[in-house]
């Protein structure tokens, strides 16, 4: 979570943090929210296009609504914010909208120390084969794509589906499809799952892992 000061380049009086975030390989997997003193909580795409003409008063209830809407349906693993001063005061007042996460961090002290903290945080888990914990889910960024593991299950992105959409597969430790599992609703789970929106790939993979993690295996 950045601030509108972070959207500005260093030469324009900002920190340039947004540029650093967008230039990382993991940017596509992140939910980037910008806190503006004038407009409240915004998706990064809105924040980059905000204008002075759009200034309006935003109260605490509106901040809560904005943040809840931006986070709705997202699988949040780690939270980092650069908020300081008035930005931090607003974030504290809206903190009820923040979900539980594995880690919650805030950059502190001098701008140089904040920049170093941000870079360390961004670099975690970006090397090939290095895992990043997400609760009980372990994510790996390999050459073949994103992979997640939970207990005995592994989910991996398998590329475009035969008809339309994108295919993810849930597998057992031996690489075989996770056939023969029943969900809590009594329905047999299909280990081959087609998703329509690749932008939600990580969330859908996490959902699949948690569904299979809570499933019952049929007797063979």
Protein backbone atom coordinates (compact mmCIF):
# COMPACT_ATOMS: atom_id res chain seq x y z
CA UNK A 1 0.00 0.00 0.00
CA UNK A 2 1.60 3.21 -1.25
CA UNK A 3 0.73 6.90 -0.95
CA UNK A 4 0.24 9.54 -3.63
CA UNK A 5 3.73 10.84 -2.77
CA UNK A 6 5.05 7.44 -3.91
CA UNK A 7 3.29 7.78 -7.27
CA UNK A 8 5.36 10.86 -8.06
CA UNK A 9 8.88 10.47 -9.46
CA UNK A 10 11.83 11.56 -7.35
CA UNK A 11 12.43 14.53 -9.64
CA UNK A 12 8.81 15.64 -9.18
CA UNK A 13 9.02 15.77 -5.40
CA UNK A 14 7.93 12.18 -4.73
CA UNK A 15 9.68 9.03 -3.55
CA UNK A 16 9.46 7.09 -6.82
CA UNK A 17 8.44 3.96 -4.88
CA UNK A 18 5.63 3.07 -7.31
CA UNK A 19 8.08 2.91 -10.20
CA UNK A 20 10.27 0.51 -8.20
CA UNK A 21 7.29 -1.72 -7.43
CA UNK A 22 6.06 -1.80 -11.03
CA UNK A 23 9.54 -2.71 -12.28
CA UNK A 24 9.68 -5.94 -10.27
CA UNK A 25 8.79 -9.33 -11.74
CA UNK A 26 6.20 -9.85 -9.01
CA UNK A 27 4.22 -6.69 -9.79
CA UNK A 28 1.57 -8.61 -11.74
CA UNK A 29 0.85 -10.75 -8.67
CA UNK A 30 0.43 -7.79 -6.33
CA UNK A 31 -2.62 -5.82 -5.31
CA UNK A 32 -1.27 -2.26 -5.34
CA UNK A 33 -3.41 0.25 -3.46
CA UNK A 34 -2.58 3.94 -3.24
CA UNK A 35 -3.75 6.16 -0.37
CA UNK A 36 -4.39 9.73 -1.48
CA UNK A 37 -5.03 12.48 1.04
CA UNK A 38 -7.52 14.00 -1.40
CA UNK A 39 -9.29 10.94 -2.80
CA UNK A 40 -8.80 8.18 -0.24
CA UNK A 41 -7.91 4.58 -1.18
CA UNK A 42 -7.52 3.94 -4.91
CA UNK A 43 -6.44 1.17 -7.21
CA UNK A 44 -3.04 2.01 -8.65
CA UNK A 45 -4.53 2.54 -12.13
CA UNK A 46 -6.87 5.22 -10.76
CA UNK A 47 -4.15 6.84 -8.68
CA UNK A 48 -1.89 7.33 -11.69
CA UNK A 49 -4.64 9.25 -13.46
CA UNK A 50 -5.98 11.35 -10.59
CA UNK A 51 -6.31 15.09 -11.12
CA UNK A 52 -6.80 18.14 -8.94
CA UNK A 53 -10.28 18.56 -10.41
CA UNK A 54 -11.32 15.35 -8.70
CA UNK A 55 -10.63 16.60 -5.18
CA UNK A 56 -13.37 15.77 -2.71
CA UNK A 57 -13.83 15.27 1.02
CA UNK A 58 -13.44 11.67 2.17
CA UNK A 59 -14.52 10.70 5.68
CA UNK A 60 -13.70 7.65 7.80
CA UNK A 61 -16.73 5.63 6.63
CA UNK A 62 -15.83 6.29 3.01
CA UNK A 63 -12.23 5.21 3.65
CA UNK A 64 -13.49 1.93 5.14
CA UNK A 65 -15.83 1.36 2.20
CA UNK A 66 -13.11 2.10 -0.35
CA UNK A 67 -10.56 -0.21 1.24
CA UNK A 68 -13.04 -3.06 1.71
CA UNK A 69 -14.13 -2.76 -1.90
CA UNK A 70 -10.55 -2.80 -3.18
CA UNK A 71 -9.67 -5.88 -1.10
CA UNK A 72 -12.92 -7.79 -1.67
CA UNK A 73 -12.32 -11.30 -3.00
CA UNK A 74 -8.54 -11.01 -2.91
CA UNK A 75 -6.24 -13.58 -1.33
CA UNK A 76 -3.98 -11.38 0.81
CA UNK A 77 -0.73 -12.97 1.92
CA UNK A 78 1.55 -10.12 3.00
CA UNK A 79 0.94 -6.42 3.50
CA UNK A 80 3.52 -3.65 3.22
CA UNK A 81 2.68 0.03 3.55
CA UNK A 82 4.81 3.11 3.14
CA UNK A 83 2.30 5.31 5.01
CA UNK A 84 3.76 7.98 7.27
CA UNK A 85 2.27 10.97 9.09
CA UNK A 86 -1.26 11.89 7.96
CA UNK A 87 -1.33 8.88 5.63
CA UNK A 88 -0.68 6.55 8.56
CA UNK A 89 -3.38 8.27 10.62
CA UNK A 90 -5.95 7.58 7.87
CA UNK A 91 -4.77 4.00 7.48
CA UNK A 92 -5.04 3.41 11.24
CA UNK A 93 -8.63 4.68 11.22
CA UNK A 94 -9.46 2.30 8.34
CA UNK A 95 -7.50 -0.66 9.73
CA UNK A 96 -10.71 -2.63 10.41
CA UNK A 97 -10.92 -3.18 6.65
CA UNK A 98 -7.52 -4.90 6.49
CA UNK A 99 -7.64 -8.72 6.35
CA UNK A 100 -5.46 -11.00 8.43
CA UNK A 101 -2.16 -11.59 6.67
CA UNK A 102 0.95 -13.66 7.26
CA UNK A 103 3.00 -10.50 7.72
CA UNK A 104 2.13 -6.82 8.03
CA UNK A 105 5.01 -4.38 7.67
CA UNK A 106 5.55 -0.61 7.41
CA UNK A 107 8.60 1.21 6.11
CA UNK A 108 10.06 3.55 8.74
CA UNK A 109 12.62 6.22 9.57
CA UNK A 110 14.56 8.02 6.81
CA UNK A 111 13.64 7.89 3.14
CA UNK A 112 16.82 5.92 2.43
CA UNK A 113 15.92 3.33 5.09
CA UNK A 114 12.39 3.12 3.74
CA UNK A 115 13.70 2.55 0.21
CA UNK A 116 16.03 -0.19 1.45
CA UNK A 117 13.17 -1.88 3.34
CA UNK A 118 10.95 -1.72 0.24
CA UNK A 119 13.62 -3.27 -1.98
CA UNK A 120 14.30 -6.10 0.50
CA UNK A 121 10.58 -6.80 0.74
CA UNK A 122 10.17 -6.82 -3.05
CA UNK A 123 13.14 -9.15 -3.53
CA UNK A 124 11.82 -11.89 -1.25
CA UNK A 125 10.96 -15.08 -3.12
CA UNK A 126 11.83 -13.79 -6.58
CA UNK A 127 14.69 -16.16 -7.35
CA UNK A 128 13.74 -19.22 -9.40
CA UNK A 129 12.67 -22.06 -7.15
CA UNK A 130 12.54 -19.92 -4.01
CA UNK A 131 9.39 -20.30 -1.97
CA UNK A 132 7.34 -17.66 -0.21
CA UNK A 133 4.96 -18.76 2.54
CA UNK A 134 1.35 -17.62 2.32
CA UNK A 135 -0.26 -18.90 5.50
CA UNK A 136 -0.04 -22.62 4.92
CA UNK A 137 0.46 -22.18 1.17
CA UNK A 138 4.01 -22.20 -0.24
CA UNK A 139 4.37 -20.38 -3.54
CA UNK A 140 7.15 -20.98 -6.04
CA UNK A 141 7.99 -18.94 -9.12
CA UNK A 142 9.60 -21.41 -11.50
CA UNK A 143 10.49 -21.13 -15.17
CA UNK A 144 7.34 -23.09 -16.07
CA UNK A 145 5.09 -20.71 -14.14
CA UNK A 146 3.50 -20.25 -10.74
CA UNK A 147 3.14 -23.25 -8.41
CA UNK A 148 1.50 -23.47 -4.99
CA UNK A 149 1.67 -26.22 -2.35
CA UNK A 150 -0.61 -26.99 0.58
CA UNK A 151 -0.15 -30.21 2.58
CA UNK A 152 -0.08 -33.07 0.04
CA UNK A 153 -1.45 -30.97 -2.82
CA UNK A 154 0.34 -28.97 -5.50
CA UNK A 155 -1.45 -26.63 -7.88
CA UNK A 156 0.24 -25.36 -11.01
CA UNK A 157 -0.63 -23.20 -13.96
CA UNK A 158 -0.85 -25.37 -17.08
CA UNK A 159 -1.33 -22.70 -19.76
CA UNK A 160 -4.32 -21.83 -21.96
CA UNK A 161 -7.26 -24.25 -21.80
CA UNK A 162 -8.24 -26.26 -24.89
CA UNK A 163 -11.36 -24.21 -25.54
CA UNK A 164 -11.06 -20.86 -23.75
CA UNK A 165 -9.71 -19.57 -20.47
CA UNK A 166 -6.71 -20.87 -18.54
CA UNK A 167 -6.07 -24.27 -16.97
CA UNK A 168 -4.77 -24.98 -13.47
CA UNK A 169 -4.13 -28.51 -12.22
CA UNK A 170 -4.20 -29.89 -8.68
CA UNK A 171 -1.77 -32.78 -8.22
CA UNK A 172 -0.62 -35.26 -5.59
CA UNK A 173 3.02 -35.64 -4.47
CA UNK A 174 3.72 -38.18 -7.25
CA UNK A 175 2.51 -35.76 -9.91
CA UNK A 176 -0.75 -37.61 -10.53
CA UNK A 177 -4.01 -35.63 -10.76
CA UNK A 178 -5.78 -35.29 -7.40
CA UNK A 179 -8.69 -37.48 -8.40
CA UNK A 180 -11.15 -39.04 -5.98
CA UNK A 181 -11.71 -36.17 -3.55
CA UNK A 182 -15.08 -34.93 -2.35
CA UNK A 183 -15.73 -31.36 -1.20
CA UNK A 184 -17.66 -30.34 1.88
CA UNK A 185 -20.81 -30.08 -0.27
CA UNK A 186 -20.53 -33.75 -1.29
CA UNK A 187 -19.50 -32.96 -4.86
CA UNK A 188 -16.56 -34.77 -6.46
CA UNK A 189 -13.75 -32.29 -7.10
CA UNK A 190 -12.20 -31.99 -10.54
CA UNK A 191 -8.40 -31.47 -10.33
CA UNK A 192 -8.44 -29.73 -13.73
CA UNK A 193 -9.91 -26.27 -13.24
CA UNK A 194 -10.53 -23.71 -15.97
CA UNK A 195 -10.49 -20.04 -15.00
CA UNK A 196 -11.62 -17.21 -17.23
CA UNK A 197 -9.50 -14.38 -15.89
CA UNK A 198 -5.74 -14.88 -15.71
CA UNK A 199 -5.46 -11.74 -13.58
CA UNK A 200 -7.04 -13.80 -10.79
CA UNK A 201 -4.68 -16.75 -11.30
CA UNK A 202 -3.08 -16.62 -7.86
CA UNK A 203 -6.42 -16.21 -6.08
CA UNK A 204 -7.99 -19.10 -8.00
CA UNK A 205 -4.99 -21.34 -7.32
CA UNK A 206 -5.21 -20.56 -3.60
CA UNK A 207 -8.94 -21.28 -3.65
CA UNK A 208 -8.33 -24.65 -5.33
CA UNK A 209 -5.67 -25.61 -2.78
CA UNK A 210 -7.88 -24.70 0.16
CA UNK A 211 -10.83 -26.58 -1.35
CA UNK A 212 -8.78 -29.75 -1.82
CA UNK A 213 -7.09 -29.25 1.55
CA UNK A 214 -10.49 -29.49 3.25
CA UNK A 215 -11.76 -32.35 1.08
CA UNK A 216 -12.28 -36.02 1.88
CA UNK A 217 -10.74 -38.77 -0.21
CA UNK A 218 -13.04 -41.50 -1.46
CA UNK A 219 -12.18 -45.03 -0.42
CA UNK A 220 -10.49 -47.05 -3.16
